[in-house]
Amino acid sequence: MAERSLIFPAEEFRTRVSRLQAEMSAQGLDVLFLTSAADIFYVTGFLTRFWESPARPWFVIVPASGDPVAVIPSIGAELMGRTWMTQVRTWEAPDPTDDGVSLLAETLCDLLPESARIGVPMGLETQLRMPLADYARLAERIAPRRFIDGTAAIQRVREIKSAAEIEKIRRACAIAGRAFARVPEFAGQGRPLDGIFRAFQSALLEEGADWVSYVAGAAGPSGYDDVISPAGPEPLQAGDVLMLDTGAVRDGHFCDFDRNFSVGPVSDPVRRTHAALWEVTEAAMAQLRPGMRANDAHRLLVEGLSARGVAAGGGRLGHGLGITLTEWPSFTPRDDTELREGMVLTLEPGAWVETADGPRRLLVHEENIVLRATGAELLSPRAPETLPELS
């Protein structure tokens, strides 16, 4: 009989835990204490939209040896029981007087000596998903055991994707690629932007996404002003550039890439800027190698755009990708994270469109890659070299 497990075979999760335990040993941690949806999913395969409710905390403890222990509200017992996890302790939640603190303290004290160092993700791109007052009470209950920063232990392991994870992300990218190919069906001159957003999300679901966690975009003459504002009812007009960006989810894994479309014929300034973005992405994919740094990727993109007579847009120009929409590292001048084989990354150069008769506007171009020993391998279907036109 096959061993029970969700999303991946149980061996995938055992390998992850072994890697975590090796990293914990290197950093002198006796246990990892995980509370966020992504970290708990990574260790267990426990995938649910119930995280949208803030009413209940959830906990997974990864000891220095042996199997992890889940300490969770009883409402999750059935689903967690279908994962590979064998040690699951529950309480009736929400409990306004003791929402798992006593059970959690008991579990940690049973597992750990008094001298234990408990790693908690505390750094950039982490969160503690439990009330701060409960965290303080827990620290008192388990003393002299103490919490220390365990960010690196989880991040260094999560940033290297297994072959199975890469295939999940590739599948999410393929779903989005099929939805982008359908954009001409529902986007064009006179169509309101908010209606296009809704139709795009429908297309993503129809093409196989489990849910659409993120859709962003913009439209405006010769480009756009920003890429995070909600869509309004304004209709597309001739000369606009439409951008759609998605983080569609399949089996708990994200894609994250965008596509640009011209409404009517492409203007010369937009054509030049789009060509520079496409070419610099090609060049960066050809040059990236393990051992380079995140800021090297940023430099390649900025210098490549400059060499093509285009000014780079502000902000980061790419990031990690996986079981959250964005992961570390960030392609900025100040991030010196080493790029390693097996990382899944986005290349996201932005550039300013310079026009003679108006303010400069932005174009953003994004692809998803996995970094191999020999360089970048595309996971997203490559954007067309020539900007598509919508009628």
Protein backbone atom coordinates (compact mmCIF):
# COMPACT_ATOMS: atom_id res chain seq x y z
CA MET A 1 0.00 0.00 0.00
CA ALA A 2 1.34 3.45 -0.93
CA GLU A 3 2.21 5.64 2.00
CA ARG A 4 -0.25 8.46 2.51
CA SER A 5 0.89 11.92 1.47
CA LEU A 6 -0.51 15.01 -0.24
CA ILE A 7 0.91 16.98 -3.21
CA PHE A 8 4.18 14.96 -3.28
CA PRO A 9 5.24 11.47 -2.21
CA ALA A 10 6.26 11.25 1.44
CA GLU A 11 9.90 10.82 0.46
CA GLU A 12 9.93 14.40 -0.89
CA PHE A 13 8.99 15.70 2.54
CA ARG A 14 11.44 13.44 4.34
CA THR A 15 14.21 14.80 2.13
CA ARG A 16 13.17 18.36 2.97
CA VAL A 17 13.18 17.62 6.69
CA SER A 18 16.62 16.00 6.41
CA ARG A 19 17.95 19.09 4.65
CA LEU A 20 16.41 21.33 7.29
CA GLN A 21 17.94 19.25 10.07
CA ALA A 22 21.37 19.44 8.44
CA GLU A 23 21.08 23.22 8.22
CA MET A 24 19.82 23.41 11.80
CA SER A 25 22.83 21.43 12.97
CA ALA A 26 25.18 23.77 11.13
CA GLN A 27 23.56 26.73 12.88
CA GLY A 28 23.32 25.21 16.34
CA LEU A 29 19.52 24.95 16.45
CA ASP A 30 17.73 22.25 18.43
CA VAL A 31 14.39 22.77 16.74
CA LEU A 32 12.61 24.92 14.16
CA PHE A 33 9.32 26.50 15.19
CA LEU A 34 7.16 27.25 12.13
CA THR A 35 3.90 29.20 12.07
CA SER A 36 3.41 30.54 8.51
CA ALA A 37 1.30 28.93 5.81
CA ALA A 38 4.19 28.52 3.37
CA ASP A 39 6.63 27.00 5.87
CA ILE A 40 4.03 24.58 7.22
CA PHE A 41 3.01 23.57 3.69
CA TYR A 42 6.67 23.07 2.78
CA VAL A 43 7.22 20.58 5.61
CA THR A 44 3.85 18.80 5.60
CA GLY A 45 1.97 19.22 2.32
CA PHE A 46 -0.94 20.68 4.32
CA LEU A 47 -2.62 22.82 1.64
CA THR A 48 -5.78 24.77 2.44
CA ARG A 49 -7.37 28.13 1.77
CA PHE A 50 -8.39 28.17 5.43
CA TRP A 51 -5.34 30.33 6.10
CA GLU A 52 -7.45 33.25 4.87
CA SER A 53 -9.11 33.14 8.30
CA PRO A 54 -6.94 34.76 10.99
CA ALA A 55 -8.95 33.19 13.82
CA ARG A 56 -6.65 30.22 14.48
CA PRO A 57 -2.87 29.80 14.82
CA TRP A 58 -1.10 26.70 13.45
CA PHE A 59 2.28 25.29 14.47
CA VAL A 60 4.80 22.75 13.20
CA ILE A 61 7.90 21.78 15.17
CA VAL A 62 10.90 20.33 13.31
CA PRO A 63 13.30 18.71 15.84
CA ALA A 64 17.01 18.18 15.27
CA SER A 65 16.29 14.50 14.61
CA GLY A 66 13.15 12.50 14.01
CA ASP A 67 9.86 13.47 12.44
CA PRO A 68 8.11 16.85 12.74
CA VAL A 69 5.22 17.41 15.12
CA ALA A 70 2.10 19.39 14.17
CA VAL A 71 0.28 21.27 16.93
CA ILE A 72 -2.92 22.48 15.29
CA PRO A 73 -6.57 23.35 15.83
CA SER A 74 -8.82 20.29 15.76
CA ILE A 75 -10.62 21.56 12.65
CA GLY A 76 -7.45 20.69 10.70
CA ALA A 77 -6.96 17.18 12.08
CA GLU A 78 -8.64 15.35 9.23
CA LEU A 79 -6.70 17.14 6.50
CA MET A 80 -3.39 16.92 8.35
CA GLY A 81 -4.13 13.23 8.86
CA ARG A 82 -4.03 12.78 5.08
CA THR A 83 -0.50 14.17 4.87
CA TRP A 84 2.65 12.16 5.64
CA MET A 85 2.67 13.53 9.20
CA THR A 86 2.33 10.93 11.95
CA GLN A 87 2.58 13.18 15.03
CA VAL A 88 -0.39 15.53 15.22
CA ARG A 89 -1.61 17.12 18.46
CA THR A 90 -4.78 19.20 18.53
CA TRP A 91 -6.80 21.56 20.69
CA GLU A 92 -10.29 23.00 20.33
CA ALA A 93 -9.82 26.42 18.74
CA PRO A 94 -10.35 29.28 18.87
CA ASP A 95 -9.94 29.42 22.63
CA PRO A 96 -9.87 33.00 23.96
CA THR A 97 -8.07 32.00 27.16
CA ASP A 98 -5.55 29.44 25.92
CA ASP A 99 -5.36 29.11 22.13
CA GLY A 100 -2.88 26.27 21.96
CA VAL A 101 -0.24 27.83 24.21
CA SER A 102 -0.41 25.15 26.92
CA LEU A 103 -0.33 22.28 24.42
CA LEU A 104 2.50 23.91 22.51
CA ALA A 105 4.54 24.55 25.65
CA GLU A 106 4.01 20.98 26.81
CA THR A 107 5.12 19.64 23.42
CA LEU A 108 8.27 21.77 23.30
CA CYS A 109 9.21 20.89 26.89
CA ASP A 110 8.68 17.18 26.18
CA LEU A 111 10.91 17.33 23.11
CA LEU A 112 13.70 19.64 24.24
CA PRO A 113 16.24 19.98 27.03
CA GLU A 114 16.24 23.16 29.09
CA SER A 115 19.26 24.47 27.20
CA ALA A 116 17.49 24.25 23.83
CA ARG A 117 17.83 26.94 21.17
CA ILE A 118 14.56 27.21 19.24
CA GLY A 119 14.86 28.69 15.75
CA VAL A 120 12.05 31.01 14.70
CA PRO A 121 11.99 32.78 11.31
CA MET A 122 12.50 36.43 12.29
CA GLY A 123 14.15 38.04 9.27
CA LEU A 124 13.09 39.59 5.98
CA GLU A 125 10.11 37.96 4.26
CA THR A 126 9.03 36.09 7.40
CA GLN A 127 6.09 36.48 9.73
CA LEU A 128 5.03 35.16 13.12
CA ARG A 129 1.46 33.95 12.66
CA MET A 130 0.32 33.91 16.27
CA PRO A 131 -0.63 36.64 18.71
CA LEU A 132 2.40 38.43 20.13
CA ALA A 133 0.95 38.12 23.62
CA ASP A 134 0.75 34.33 23.20
CA TYR A 135 4.32 34.25 21.87
CA ALA A 136 5.47 36.07 25.01
CA ARG A 137 3.48 33.70 27.25
CA LEU A 138 4.94 30.72 25.41
CA ALA A 139 8.49 32.04 25.92
CA GLU A 140 7.81 32.31 29.66
CA ARG A 141 6.31 28.83 29.85
CA ILE A 142 9.24 27.08 28.17
CA ALA A 143 12.12 29.04 29.77
CA PRO A 144 15.05 28.57 30.07
CA ARG A 145 14.64 27.24 26.55
CA ARG A 146 14.89 30.26 24.31
CA PHE A 147 13.87 31.52 20.89
CA ILE A 148 16.55 32.71 18.47
CA ASP A 149 16.55 33.75 14.83
CA GLY A 150 16.18 30.71 12.59
CA THR A 151 15.54 32.56 9.32
CA ALA A 152 18.57 31.25 7.44
CA ALA A 153 17.82 27.61 8.27
CA ILE A 154 14.46 27.62 6.52
CA GLN A 155 15.36 30.04 3.73
CA ARG A 156 18.60 28.36 2.67
CA VAL A 157 16.72 25.08 2.30
CA ARG A 158 13.56 26.41 0.68
CA GLU A 159 15.40 28.44 -1.94
CA ILE A 160 16.74 25.29 -3.65
CA LYS A 161 13.90 23.54 -5.45
CA SER A 162 13.69 19.81 -6.06
CA ALA A 163 12.89 18.41 -9.49
CA ALA A 164 9.33 17.78 -8.30
CA GLU A 165 8.89 21.39 -7.15
CA ILE A 166 10.27 22.73 -10.42
CA GLU A 167 7.74 20.69 -12.38
CA LYS A 168 4.90 22.08 -10.26
CA ILE A 169 6.06 25.64 -11.00
CA ARG A 170 6.49 24.80 -14.68
CA ARG A 171 2.89 23.55 -14.76
CA ALA A 172 1.63 26.77 -13.15
CA CYS A 173 3.57 28.73 -15.77
CA ALA A 174 2.01 26.69 -18.58
CA ILE A 175 -1.47 27.42 -17.22
CA ALA A 176 -0.77 31.15 -17.20
CA GLY A 177 0.76 30.93 -20.66
CA ARG A 178 -2.46 29.46 -22.05
CA ALA A 179 -4.50 32.19 -20.35
CA PHE A 180 -2.24 34.93 -21.76
CA ALA A 181 -2.75 33.46 -25.24
CA ARG A 182 -6.49 34.05 -24.79
CA VAL A 183 -6.16 37.76 -23.92
CA PRO A 184 -7.19 38.88 -27.46
CA GLU A 185 -10.53 37.13 -26.86
CA PHE A 186 -11.52 39.60 -24.13
CA ALA A 187 -9.21 42.62 -24.36
CA GLY A 188 -9.20 45.36 -26.98
CA GLN A 189 -10.09 48.94 -27.72
CA GLY A 190 -13.17 50.07 -25.78
CA ARG A 191 -13.02 47.21 -23.24
CA PRO A 192 -12.94 48.36 -19.58
CA LEU A 193 -9.82 47.41 -17.66
CA ASP A 194 -11.68 45.95 -14.68
CA GLY A 195 -13.66 43.69 -17.00
CA ILE A 196 -10.43 42.51 -18.60
CA PHE A 197 -9.02 41.68 -15.16
CA ARG A 198 -12.08 39.58 -14.33
CA ALA A 199 -12.00 37.80 -17.69
CA PHE A 200 -8.29 37.06 -17.29
CA GLN A 201 -8.86 35.49 -13.88
CA SER A 202 -11.65 33.37 -15.36
CA ALA A 203 -9.31 32.24 -18.13
CA LEU A 204 -6.66 31.23 -15.60
CA LEU A 205 -9.17 29.11 -13.70
CA GLU A 206 -10.50 27.56 -16.90
CA GLU A 207 -6.97 26.66 -17.96
CA GLY A 208 -6.31 24.78 -14.72
CA ALA A 209 -5.32 27.14 -11.92
CA ASP A 210 -6.56 26.07 -8.50
CA TRP A 211 -6.93 29.71 -7.56
CA VAL A 212 -5.67 33.10 -8.70
CA SER A 213 -3.86 34.55 -5.75
CA TYR A 214 -2.57 37.58 -7.60
CA VAL A 215 -3.57 39.57 -10.66
CA ALA A 216 -2.13 42.98 -11.32
CA GLY A 217 -1.66 45.14 -14.34
CA ALA A 218 -2.22 48.51 -15.85
CA ALA A 219 -2.92 50.32 -19.08
CA GLY A 220 -2.10 53.76 -20.42
CA PRO A 221 -0.78 55.65 -23.43
CA SER A 222 2.70 54.32 -24.33
CA GLY A 223 2.94 52.48 -21.00
CA TYR A 224 1.72 52.81 -17.43
CA ASP A 225 2.42 54.67 -14.21
CA ASP A 226 2.52 51.74 -11.77
CA VAL A 227 1.89 48.02 -11.67
CA ILE A 228 0.01 47.47 -8.39
CA SER A 229 -3.12 49.65 -8.56
CA PRO A 230 -6.58 48.04 -8.76
CA ALA A 231 -8.22 48.06 -12.17
CA GLY A 232 -10.77 50.77 -12.85
CA PRO A 233 -13.61 50.99 -15.37
CA GLU A 234 -11.68 53.09 -17.89
CA PRO A 235 -11.85 51.58 -21.40
CA LEU A 236 -8.72 50.78 -23.37
CA GLN A 237 -7.90 53.34 -26.05
CA ALA A 238 -5.80 53.25 -29.20
CA GLY A 239 -2.14 53.82 -28.29
CA ASP A 240 -2.45 52.25 -24.86
CA VAL A 241 -0.17 49.49 -23.61
CA LEU A 242 -1.98 46.85 -21.55
CA MET A 243 0.01 44.84 -19.03
CA LEU A 244 -1.33 41.84 -17.14
CA ASP A 245 0.64 40.07 -14.39
CA THR A 246 -0.39 36.95 -12.53
CA GLY A 247 0.54 34.72 -9.66
CA ALA A 248 -1.73 31.79 -10.46
CA VAL A 249 -1.48 28.75 -8.18
CA ARG A 250 -1.46 25.05 -8.98
CA ASP A 251 -0.91 22.48 -6.21
CA GLY A 252 0.33 25.24 -3.91
CA HIS A 253 3.00 26.49 -6.34
CA PHE A 254 3.06 29.88 -8.03
CA CYS A 255 3.97 31.29 -11.37
CA ASP A 256 4.71 35.01 -11.60
CA PHE A 257 5.14 36.65 -14.97
CA ASP A 258 3.52 39.34 -17.05
CA ARG A 259 2.72 40.11 -20.67
CA ASN A 260 2.30 43.41 -22.52
CA PHE A 261 -0.05 44.19 -25.39
CA SER A 262 -0.39 47.23 -27.61
CA VAL A 263 -3.89 48.53 -28.28
CA GLY A 264 -3.67 49.21 -31.99
CA PRO A 265 -0.37 49.76 -33.80
CA VAL A 266 2.76 49.89 -31.68
CA SER A 267 4.40 53.32 -31.45
CA ASP A 268 8.12 53.65 -32.16
CA PRO A 269 9.07 54.56 -28.55
CA VAL A 270 7.16 51.56 -27.20
CA ARG A 271 8.65 49.29 -29.85
CA ARG A 272 12.19 50.36 -28.96
CA THR A 273 11.64 49.93 -25.23
CA HIS A 274 9.97 46.56 -25.60
CA ALA A 275 12.81 45.37 -27.85
CA ALA A 276 15.40 46.47 -25.27
CA LEU A 277 13.56 44.63 -22.48
CA TRP A 278 13.24 41.46 -24.54
CA GLU A 279 16.90 41.54 -25.59
CA VAL A 280 18.29 42.27 -22.13
CA THR A 281 16.26 39.38 -20.71
CA GLU A 282 17.75 37.09 -23.36
CA ALA A 283 21.23 38.33 -22.51
CA ALA A 284 20.73 37.89 -18.77
CA MET A 285 19.47 34.33 -19.23
CA ALA A 286 22.59 33.56 -21.27
CA GLN A 287 24.94 35.02 -18.65
CA LEU A 288 23.48 33.97 -15.30
CA ARG A 289 25.39 31.19 -13.55
CA PRO A 290 25.46 29.69 -10.05
CA GLY A 291 27.93 31.56 -7.87
CA MET A 292 26.85 34.97 -9.10
CA ARG A 293 25.03 37.26 -6.68
CA ALA A 294 21.57 38.78 -6.73
CA ASN A 295 23.10 42.20 -7.27
CA ASP A 296 25.03 40.82 -10.27
CA ALA A 297 21.70 39.97 -11.90
CA HIS A 298 20.47 43.49 -11.19
CA ARG A 299 23.65 44.93 -12.71
CA LEU A 300 23.34 42.81 -15.86
CA LEU A 301 19.82 44.08 -16.45
CA VAL A 302 20.53 47.75 -15.70
CA GLU A 303 23.72 47.86 -17.75
CA GLY A 304 22.09 45.93 -20.58
CA LEU A 305 19.23 48.40 -20.79
CA SER A 306 21.59 51.34 -20.65
CA ALA A 307 23.67 49.89 -23.50
CA ARG A 308 20.49 49.79 -25.56
CA GLY A 309 19.69 53.43 -24.83
CA VAL A 310 16.94 52.75 -22.30
CA ALA A 311 16.76 53.77 -18.62
CA ALA A 312 15.89 51.04 -16.14
CA GLY A 313 12.82 51.51 -13.99
CA GLY A 314 13.22 51.74 -10.23
CA GLY A 315 12.86 48.99 -7.67
CA ARG A 316 13.97 45.39 -7.81
CA LEU A 317 14.32 43.68 -11.17
CA GLY A 318 13.51 40.13 -10.17
CA HIS A 319 13.17 37.79 -7.21
CA GLY A 320 12.76 34.23 -6.03
CA LEU A 321 9.60 32.23 -6.69
CA GLY A 322 8.02 29.07 -5.33
CA ILE A 323 5.34 28.35 -2.76
CA THR A 324 4.85 32.07 -2.26
CA LEU A 325 4.37 34.62 -5.01
CA THR A 326 7.70 36.24 -4.25
CA GLU A 327 10.60 34.73 -2.35
CA TRP A 328 14.13 35.80 -1.56
CA PRO A 329 16.46 36.97 -3.00
CA SER A 330 15.65 40.34 -4.56
CA PHE A 331 17.54 41.60 -7.59
CA THR A 332 18.61 44.94 -6.17
CA PRO A 333 22.00 46.66 -5.84
CA ARG A 334 22.20 45.81 -2.11
CA ASP A 335 21.21 42.12 -2.09
CA ASP A 336 24.35 39.97 -2.30
CA THR A 337 22.62 36.60 -1.86
CA GLU A 338 24.49 33.90 -3.74
CA LEU A 339 22.59 32.43 -6.69
CA ARG A 340 22.67 28.66 -6.48
CA GLU A 341 21.78 25.81 -8.78
CA GLY A 342 18.14 24.84 -8.34
CA MET A 343 16.85 28.32 -7.50
CA VAL A 344 13.66 29.36 -9.27
CA LEU A 345 13.80 33.06 -10.08
CA THR A 346 12.05 35.78 -12.00
CA LEU A 347 13.79 38.19 -14.33
CA GLU A 348 11.71 41.36 -14.18
CA PRO A 349 13.41 44.32 -15.87
CA GLY A 350 11.39 47.51 -16.10
CA ALA A 351 12.22 50.45 -18.35
CA TRP A 352 10.99 53.95 -19.04
CA VAL A 353 9.36 54.77 -22.36
CA GLU A 354 10.54 58.22 -23.45
CA THR A 355 8.05 60.10 -25.62
CA ALA A 356 8.31 63.55 -27.16
CA ASP A 357 4.82 64.71 -26.22
CA GLY A 358 4.12 63.44 -22.72
CA PRO A 359 5.50 62.13 -19.43
CA ARG A 360 7.62 59.01 -19.55
CA ARG A 361 5.78 55.77 -18.87
CA LEU A 362 6.84 52.35 -17.63
CA LEU A 363 7.08 48.94 -19.30
CA VAL A 364 7.81 45.82 -17.25
CA HIS A 365 8.86 42.50 -18.76
CA GLU A 366 8.95 39.32 -16.67
CA GLU A 367 9.94 35.67 -17.14
CA ASN A 368 10.33 32.71 -14.77
CA ILE A 369 13.50 30.61 -14.84
CA VAL A 370 15.27 27.85 -12.95
CA LEU A 371 19.02 28.25 -12.54
CA ARG A 372 20.91 25.18 -13.73
CA ALA A 373 24.64 24.51 -13.55
CA THR A 374 24.92 25.65 -17.17
CA GLY A 375 22.67 28.69 -16.84
CA ALA A 376 19.03 29.70 -16.93
CA GLU A 377 16.24 27.44 -18.13
CA LEU A 378 12.90 29.04 -18.97
CA LEU A 379 9.85 27.84 -17.07
CA SER A 380 7.39 30.40 -18.47
CA PRO A 381 6.53 30.36 -22.16
CA ARG A 382 8.77 33.04 -23.67
CA ALA A 383 7.15 36.39 -24.39
CA PRO A 384 6.92 37.22 -28.10
CA GLU A 385 9.81 39.25 -29.44
CA THR A 386 7.35 41.57 -31.18
CA LEU A 387 4.77 43.25 -28.96
CA PRO A 388 1.31 41.75 -29.73
CA GLU A 389 -1.36 44.14 -30.99
CA LEU A 390 -4.98 44.15 -29.83
CA SER A 391 -7.69 45.49 -32.10
